[in-house]
């Protein structure tokens, strides 16, 4: 009898302890997880959702969404549902944080949205392959991105390096890495890049055959 009573008391004590420590099912919320666990979860959330949605849920998540481990390197290439307005809002939030930014393949973004990259003055690596980028737009960007060390973009028909400003040429002269997809016969900005350590050139120039069909070389 005495053993049975002590056993029942022990079970009651354990249940009370679980209640006090919040271990009963349904009593643990997101805010109860450690910052490390939450950051591991948030790193799988798209940057646009992170900054435009998750950051607005509570103060703790707002702080974590702006952690440098999440915003120093950002890829928007896979966010096909992001509108121009959404991307402009994201770029506004990223301006003081991002160091490596990829918009590779974001062909749907307007030129006015690309212009918002001017605010990301701390960016060191920038991939604009597939984006709408004229020589004048590139000149404005480069004039503002004085820390840029790596650049990737497409050289489209009509590109004219003579339209690059002096500030843009200074930025190009500091590049260590350049990736160019040539959509037209051109050197692009290579002549302006005097300190390159790595140069990648991809030729994607249509060539008209005797039959008049377009071929890619």
Protein backbone atom coordinates (compact mmCIF):
# COMPACT_ATOMS: atom_id res chain seq x y z
CA UNK A 1 0.00 0.00 0.00
CA UNK A 2 2.67 2.44 0.96
CA UNK A 3 4.64 1.71 -2.22
CA UNK A 4 1.54 2.24 -4.37
CA UNK A 5 0.78 5.58 -2.75
CA UNK A 6 4.34 6.81 -3.21
CA UNK A 7 4.17 5.78 -6.88
CA UNK A 8 1.00 7.78 -7.43
CA UNK A 9 2.49 10.80 -5.72
CA UNK A 10 5.56 10.55 -7.90
CA UNK A 11 3.46 10.57 -11.07
CA UNK A 12 1.50 13.60 -9.85
CA UNK A 13 4.72 15.43 -9.05
CA UNK A 14 6.08 14.70 -12.52
CA UNK A 15 2.89 15.92 -14.21
CA UNK A 16 2.98 19.14 -12.18
CA UNK A 17 6.60 19.68 -13.14
CA UNK A 18 5.79 19.19 -16.82
CA UNK A 19 2.98 21.71 -16.56
CA UNK A 20 5.27 24.24 -14.89
CA UNK A 21 8.01 23.78 -17.49
CA UNK A 22 5.62 23.97 -20.44
CA UNK A 23 6.19 20.45 -21.75
CA UNK A 24 2.53 19.57 -22.19
CA UNK A 25 1.51 19.26 -25.85
CA UNK A 26 0.47 22.58 -27.39
CA UNK A 27 2.04 24.79 -24.72
CA UNK A 28 5.24 25.65 -26.64
CA UNK A 29 5.20 28.58 -29.08
CA UNK A 30 7.72 29.79 -31.66
CA UNK A 31 9.07 32.34 -29.21
CA UNK A 32 10.10 29.50 -26.87
CA UNK A 33 12.68 28.17 -29.33
CA UNK A 34 16.25 29.38 -29.14
CA UNK A 35 17.53 31.96 -31.62
CA UNK A 36 19.80 29.33 -33.17
CA UNK A 37 16.89 26.99 -33.93
CA UNK A 38 14.75 29.80 -35.31
CA UNK A 39 17.56 31.02 -37.56
CA UNK A 40 17.98 27.50 -38.91
CA UNK A 41 14.27 27.51 -39.77
CA UNK A 42 14.22 31.02 -41.22
CA UNK A 43 17.11 30.34 -43.57
CA UNK A 44 14.71 28.17 -45.60
CA UNK A 45 12.21 31.00 -46.06
CA UNK A 46 12.42 33.19 -49.17
CA UNK A 47 13.86 36.64 -48.57
CA UNK A 48 10.69 38.38 -49.76
CA UNK A 49 8.52 36.38 -47.33
CA UNK A 50 11.10 36.86 -44.60
CA UNK A 51 11.12 40.65 -44.80
CA UNK A 52 7.60 41.38 -45.98
CA UNK A 53 5.65 38.82 -43.91
CA UNK A 54 7.51 36.89 -41.18
CA UNK A 55 9.22 39.98 -39.77
CA UNK A 56 5.80 41.48 -38.99
CA UNK A 57 4.56 38.64 -36.78
CA UNK A 58 6.31 39.53 -33.51
CA UNK A 59 9.21 41.52 -32.14
CA UNK A 60 11.51 38.52 -31.71
CA UNK A 61 11.05 37.28 -35.28
CA UNK A 62 11.42 40.83 -36.57
CA UNK A 63 14.86 41.03 -34.97
CA UNK A 64 15.90 37.59 -36.23
CA UNK A 65 14.71 38.28 -39.78
CA UNK A 66 17.28 41.06 -39.96
CA UNK A 67 20.12 38.91 -38.65
CA UNK A 68 23.25 39.28 -40.79
CA UNK A 69 23.45 35.52 -41.34
CA UNK A 70 20.19 35.74 -43.29
CA UNK A 71 20.71 38.99 -45.18
CA UNK A 72 24.41 39.18 -46.04
CA UNK A 73 23.98 36.73 -48.95
CA UNK A 74 20.67 36.89 -50.82
CA UNK A 75 19.40 35.11 -53.93
CA UNK A 76 16.16 36.33 -55.48
CA UNK A 77 16.53 34.20 -58.61
CA UNK A 78 14.10 31.49 -57.53
CA UNK A 79 11.34 33.81 -56.30
CA UNK A 80 9.31 33.76 -59.52
CA UNK A 81 6.16 35.06 -57.83
CA UNK A 82 7.82 38.27 -56.63
CA UNK A 83 6.39 41.33 -58.35
CA UNK A 84 8.32 44.52 -59.05
CA UNK A 85 6.70 46.15 -56.02
CA UNK A 86 7.70 43.24 -53.78
CA UNK A 87 11.30 43.23 -54.98
CA UNK A 88 11.58 47.01 -54.57
CA UNK A 89 10.40 46.64 -50.98
CA UNK A 90 12.91 43.84 -50.36
CA UNK A 91 15.77 45.89 -51.81
CA UNK A 92 14.81 48.76 -49.53
CA UNK A 93 15.13 46.48 -46.49
CA UNK A 94 18.39 44.97 -47.76
CA UNK A 95 20.16 48.25 -48.44
CA UNK A 96 22.26 48.28 -45.26
CA UNK A 97 22.82 44.53 -44.97
CA UNK A 98 23.41 42.64 -48.22
CA UNK A 99 26.93 41.99 -49.45
CA UNK A 100 26.26 39.30 -52.06
CA UNK A 101 23.13 39.65 -54.19
CA UNK A 102 21.92 37.53 -57.10
CA UNK A 103 19.06 38.45 -59.43
CA UNK A 104 20.24 35.91 -61.99
CA UNK A 105 17.40 35.11 -64.36
CA UNK A 106 14.99 37.74 -63.03
CA UNK A 107 14.08 38.74 -66.58
CA UNK A 108 10.61 39.97 -65.57
CA UNK A 109 11.89 42.82 -63.39
CA UNK A 110 11.52 46.29 -64.86
CA UNK A 111 14.44 48.65 -65.34
CA UNK A 112 13.09 50.96 -62.63
CA UNK A 113 13.29 48.08 -60.14
CA UNK A 114 16.89 47.32 -61.14
CA UNK A 115 17.65 51.00 -60.47
CA UNK A 116 16.76 50.43 -56.80
CA UNK A 117 20.00 48.45 -56.44
CA UNK A 118 21.70 51.80 -56.13
CA UNK A 119 20.70 51.78 -52.46
CA UNK A 120 22.61 48.54 -51.77
CA UNK A 121 25.89 50.36 -51.34
CA UNK A 122 27.62 47.61 -49.33
CA UNK A 123 27.25 44.93 -51.99
CA UNK A 124 30.48 43.19 -52.97
CA UNK A 125 29.13 40.51 -55.34
CA UNK A 126 26.32 41.25 -57.81
CA UNK A 127 24.80 38.90 -60.38
CA UNK A 128 22.43 40.55 -62.87
CA UNK A 129 22.58 37.88 -65.58
CA UNK A 130 19.33 37.81 -67.50
CA UNK A 131 18.15 41.18 -66.19
CA UNK A 132 17.27 44.20 -68.30
CA UNK A 133 20.45 46.23 -68.17
CA UNK A 134 21.44 48.99 -70.55
CA UNK A 135 24.84 50.64 -70.59
CA UNK A 136 23.41 53.80 -68.99
CA UNK A 137 21.67 51.83 -66.24
CA UNK A 138 24.86 49.88 -65.55
CA UNK A 139 26.77 53.16 -65.38
CA UNK A 140 24.43 54.54 -62.71
CA UNK A 141 24.69 51.35 -60.66
CA UNK A 142 28.46 51.14 -60.81
CA UNK A 143 28.80 54.79 -59.83
CA UNK A 144 27.09 53.96 -56.51
CA UNK A 145 28.61 50.55 -55.75
CA UNK A 146 32.14 51.47 -54.75
CA UNK A 147 32.75 48.19 -52.84
CA UNK A 148 31.88 45.93 -55.77
CA UNK A 149 34.44 43.18 -56.47
CA UNK A 150 32.46 40.69 -58.56
CA UNK A 151 29.96 41.43 -61.34
CA UNK A 152 27.91 39.27 -63.71
CA UNK A 153 25.62 40.64 -66.43
CA UNK A 154 24.52 40.25 -70.06
CA UNK A 155 25.97 42.39 -72.85
CA UNK A 156 22.89 42.95 -75.01
CA UNK A 157 22.67 44.51 -78.48
CA UNK A 158 23.04 48.27 -78.23
CA UNK A 159 25.40 48.13 -75.26
CA UNK A 160 27.95 50.94 -75.52
CA UNK A 161 30.79 51.12 -73.01
CA UNK A 162 31.46 54.71 -74.13
CA UNK A 163 28.34 55.68 -72.14
CA UNK A 164 29.93 54.60 -68.85
CA UNK A 165 30.76 57.47 -66.51
CA UNK A 166 34.15 58.06 -64.94
CA UNK A 167 32.85 56.79 -61.57
CA UNK A 168 31.55 53.65 -63.24
CA UNK A 169 34.92 53.02 -64.88
CA UNK A 170 36.64 53.47 -61.52
CA UNK A 171 34.38 50.79 -60.02
CA UNK A 172 35.13 48.45 -62.92
CA UNK A 173 38.85 48.98 -62.48
CA UNK A 174 38.55 47.58 -58.94
CA UNK A 175 36.74 44.38 -59.98
CA UNK A 176 38.44 41.07 -59.27
CA UNK A 177 35.89 38.89 -61.07
CA UNK A 178 33.75 39.47 -64.17
CA UNK A 179 31.16 37.21 -65.80
CA UNK A 180 29.73 38.35 -69.11
CA UNK A 181 27.16 36.65 -71.33
CA UNK A 182 27.67 38.14 -74.78
CA UNK A 183 24.41 38.44 -76.72
CA UNK A 184 26.12 40.58 -79.36
CA UNK A 185 29.70 40.86 -80.70
CA UNK A 186 31.30 43.07 -78.07
CA UNK A 187 34.08 43.24 -75.50
CA UNK A 188 31.57 44.56 -73.00
CA UNK A 189 33.37 46.18 -70.07
CA UNK A 190 36.51 44.02 -70.23
CA UNK A 191 38.78 46.90 -71.37
CA UNK A 192 37.78 48.84 -68.24
CA UNK A 193 38.67 46.02 -65.83
CA UNK A 194 42.41 46.38 -65.28
CA UNK A 195 42.71 44.27 -62.11
CA UNK A 196 40.71 41.17 -62.97
CA UNK A 197 41.76 37.88 -61.44
CA UNK A 198 38.91 35.86 -62.99
CA UNK A 199 37.12 36.40 -66.30
CA UNK A 200 34.24 34.25 -67.57
CA UNK A 201 32.78 34.81 -71.03
CA UNK A 202 29.75 33.00 -72.40
CA UNK A 203 28.88 33.46 -76.07
CA UNK A 204 25.18 33.41 -76.87
CA UNK A 205 25.22 35.21 -80.20
CA UNK A 206 22.71 34.25 -82.92
CA UNK A 207 24.42 33.42 -86.20
CA UNK A 208 22.45 33.48 -89.46
CA UNK A 209 23.10 30.40 -91.59
CA UNK A 210 22.85 30.16 -95.38
CA UNK A 211 19.25 29.02 -95.03
CA UNK A 212 18.42 32.08 -92.98
CA UNK A 213 17.90 30.13 -89.77
CA UNK A 214 19.29 31.42 -86.52
CA UNK A 215 22.00 29.39 -84.80
CA UNK A 216 23.66 29.95 -81.44
CA UNK A 217 27.43 29.92 -81.20
